[in-house]
Protein backbone atom coordinates (compact mmCIF):
# COMPACT_ATOMS: atom_id res chain seq x y z
CA MET A 1 4.25 19.04 -17.51
CA ARG A 2 2.17 20.14 -14.42
CA ILE A 3 -1.39 18.90 -16.08
CA ALA A 4 0.28 15.69 -16.89
CA ALA A 5 1.09 15.28 -13.19
CA ILE A 6 -2.30 16.21 -11.99
CA ILE A 7 -4.05 13.73 -14.58
CA LEU A 8 -1.22 11.11 -13.51
CA GLY A 9 -1.95 12.07 -9.81
CA GLY A 10 -5.50 11.21 -9.86
CA LEU A 11 -5.20 8.46 -11.95
CA ALA A 12 -3.10 6.91 -9.32
CA LEU A 13 -5.37 7.61 -6.62
CA ALA A 14 -8.20 5.84 -8.43
CA GLY A 15 -5.93 3.18 -9.45
CA THR A 16 -4.82 2.74 -5.56
CA ALA A 17 -8.14 2.57 -3.85
CA THR A 18 -9.69 0.27 -6.53
CA GLY A 19 -6.39 -2.07 -6.07
CA ILE A 20 -6.79 -1.68 -2.08
CA PHE A 21 -10.60 -2.30 -2.41
CA PHE A 22 -9.73 -5.94 -4.44
CA TYR A 23 -6.93 -6.91 -2.36
CA TRP A 24 -9.85 -6.76 0.48
CA ILE A 25 -11.77 -8.85 -1.78
CA GLY A 26 -9.09 -11.23 -2.78
CA SER A 27 -7.38 -11.63 0.38
CA ALA A 28 -10.72 -12.96 1.83
CA PHE A 29 -10.64 -15.91 -0.62
CA ILE A 30 -7.65 -16.90 0.44
CA CYS A 31 -8.78 -18.61 3.37
CA PHE A 32 -12.16 -19.12 1.74
CA ASP A 33 -13.11 -22.85 3.41
CA VAL A 34 -9.66 -23.12 4.98
CA CYS A 35 -6.41 -21.23 5.29
CA PRO A 36 -3.54 -22.61 3.40
CA PRO A 37 -0.60 -24.13 5.11
CA VAL A 38 2.22 -21.82 6.40
CA SER A 39 4.72 -23.32 3.80
CA SER A 40 2.58 -21.97 0.97
CA ILE A 41 0.90 -18.38 2.23
CA GLY A 42 4.07 -16.38 0.97
CA PRO A 43 3.70 -16.66 -2.63
CA GLN A 44 -0.58 -16.81 -2.40
CA LEU A 45 -0.38 -13.46 -0.41
CA LEU A 46 2.24 -12.05 -2.37
CA ARG A 47 0.15 -12.93 -5.87
CA ALA A 48 -2.93 -11.47 -4.66
CA ALA A 49 -0.79 -8.06 -3.44
CA ALA A 50 0.70 -7.85 -6.53
CA LEU A 51 -2.29 -8.41 -8.88
CA SER A 52 -4.58 -5.98 -7.27
CA LEU A 53 -2.07 -3.12 -5.76
CA SER A 54 0.36 -2.89 -8.50
CA PRO A 55 -1.34 -0.90 -11.60
CA GLY A 56 -1.95 1.79 -8.61
CA LEU A 57 1.27 1.80 -7.22
CA LEU A 58 3.13 2.02 -10.75
CA LEU A 59 0.69 4.85 -11.64
CA SER A 60 1.56 6.46 -8.21
CA LEU A 61 5.51 6.17 -9.13
CA ALA A 62 5.08 7.72 -12.83
CA ALA A 63 3.05 10.33 -11.00
CA TRP A 64 5.49 10.91 -7.88
CA ILE A 65 8.40 11.28 -10.31
CA LEU A 66 6.65 13.63 -12.68
CA SER A 67 5.54 15.77 -9.73
CA LEU A 68 8.85 15.62 -8.24
CA ILE A 69 10.33 17.24 -11.42
CA THR A 70 7.74 19.72 -11.62
CA LEU A 71 8.20 20.62 -8.22
CA ARG A 72 11.97 21.03 -8.26
CA ALA A 73 11.65 22.86 -11.81
CA GLY A 74 9.21 25.03 -9.97
CA GLY A 75 11.67 25.88 -7.28
CA ARG A 76 9.20 24.66 -4.57
CA SER A 77 11.64 23.30 -1.96
CA THR A 78 9.13 22.37 0.74
CA ALA A 79 6.39 20.48 -1.65
CA PHE A 80 9.71 18.93 -3.20
CA LEU A 81 10.61 17.51 0.13
CA VAL A 82 7.41 16.57 1.49
CA THR A 83 6.37 14.82 -1.71
CA LEU A 84 10.28 13.26 -2.07
CA LEU A 85 10.10 11.51 1.35
CA THR A 86 6.29 10.42 0.98
CA PRO A 87 7.12 6.70 -0.21
CA ILE A 88 9.17 6.34 2.93
CA ILE A 89 6.41 7.57 5.17
CA VAL A 90 4.22 5.26 3.52
CA ILE A 91 6.27 1.95 4.27
CA ILE A 92 6.97 2.90 7.79
CA ALA A 93 3.05 3.45 8.07
CA ALA A 94 2.20 0.28 6.53
CA ALA A 95 4.90 -1.59 8.37
CA LEU A 96 3.51 0.15 11.60
CA THR A 97 -0.27 -1.02 10.73
CA LEU A 98 0.81 -4.51 10.01
CA SER A 99 2.79 -4.51 13.48
CA ILE A 100 0.13 -3.31 15.73
CA ALA A 101 -2.83 -5.18 13.80
CA GLY A 102 -1.20 -8.23 13.40
CA GLY A 103 1.10 -8.27 16.53
CA SER A 104 -2.31 -8.92 18.73
CA PHE A 105 -3.32 -12.15 16.51
CA THR A 106 -1.47 -15.30 16.48
CA PRO A 107 -0.24 -15.65 13.00
CA VAL A 108 -0.51 -19.63 13.00
CA ALA A 109 -3.52 -21.35 14.07
CA VAL A 110 -2.71 -24.92 15.22
CA SER A 111 -4.37 -27.73 13.03
CA GLY A 112 -4.77 -31.24 14.55
CA PRO A 113 -3.00 -32.44 17.35
CA PRO A 114 0.16 -31.25 18.76
CA GLU A 115 2.39 -33.71 16.92
CA VAL A 116 1.72 -31.94 13.42
CA ALA A 117 4.71 -30.80 11.98
CA PRO A 118 5.12 -27.06 11.90
CA ALA A 119 4.75 -27.42 8.08
CA GLY A 120 1.45 -28.60 8.20
CA ARG A 121 0.03 -25.93 10.39
CA GLN A 122 -2.35 -23.43 8.91
CA VAL A 123 -2.13 -19.56 8.66
CA SER A 124 -4.77 -17.75 11.07
CA THR A 125 -7.78 -15.98 9.38
CA ASP A 126 -7.18 -13.08 11.91
CA TRP A 127 -3.68 -12.74 10.55
CA ILE A 128 -4.60 -12.34 6.88
CA ASN A 129 -7.40 -9.95 8.00
CA ALA A 130 -4.43 -7.94 9.57
CA THR A 131 -2.82 -7.70 6.19
CA ARG A 132 -5.67 -5.84 4.77
CA TYR A 133 -5.24 -3.20 7.02
CA ALA A 134 -1.64 -2.72 6.41
CA ALA A 135 -2.74 -2.08 2.62
CA ALA A 136 -4.57 0.70 3.50
CA PRO A 137 -1.72 3.43 4.12
CA LEU A 138 -0.71 3.01 0.42
CA VAL A 139 -3.51 5.50 -0.53
CA ILE A 140 -1.21 8.04 0.95
CA TRP A 141 1.44 8.43 -1.35
CA PRO A 142 -0.80 9.34 -4.63
CA ALA A 143 -2.71 11.45 -2.21
CA ALA A 144 0.22 13.35 -1.16
CA THR A 145 1.44 13.73 -4.53
CA CYS A 146 -1.70 15.05 -5.78
CA ILE A 147 -1.93 17.62 -3.04
CA ALA A 148 1.20 18.67 -3.43
CA ILE A 149 1.11 19.17 -7.19
CA LEU A 150 -2.53 20.92 -6.90
CA SER A 151 -1.01 23.14 -4.29
CA ARG A 152 0.04 26.45 -5.52
CA PRO A 153 3.18 28.54 -3.99
CA ALA A 154 2.13 31.58 -2.26
CA LYS A 155 2.99 34.76 -4.56
CA PRO A 156 5.53 36.92 -2.97
CA ARG A 157 4.14 40.52 -1.94
CA GLY A 158 5.97 43.74 -3.01
């Protein structure tokens, strides 16, 4: 079962890194000619993220579950706890990255005169670029899973 966790962890790491790469490319095309209005950016951004990141994240979930079972069966409580808390740490890191990178940019770019309705305003390209940086911490999850399952427990001396 340890070998399966190692293989799944490696596949998850490769899949997540590839998904982040494709998300970087795909998010650049959201504002290819003109950025979309604020009212329609949610579905476009979620679709781009789901299509590119979901295979790697699903592999990460499978590797995570298998490594938790393996680590618990091996009696490695420290590695089990670190592996268990990794998704929470990744979510916090991604949220902080989006908050820090996106907070310095205006999320809405005004298009047209001040009389333009708020629904007609466009999302700024800087804020779309900030979402790219928020996807980068997702690689921590499969990397921590791989490191935890690859590490060997210290043999007791005696």
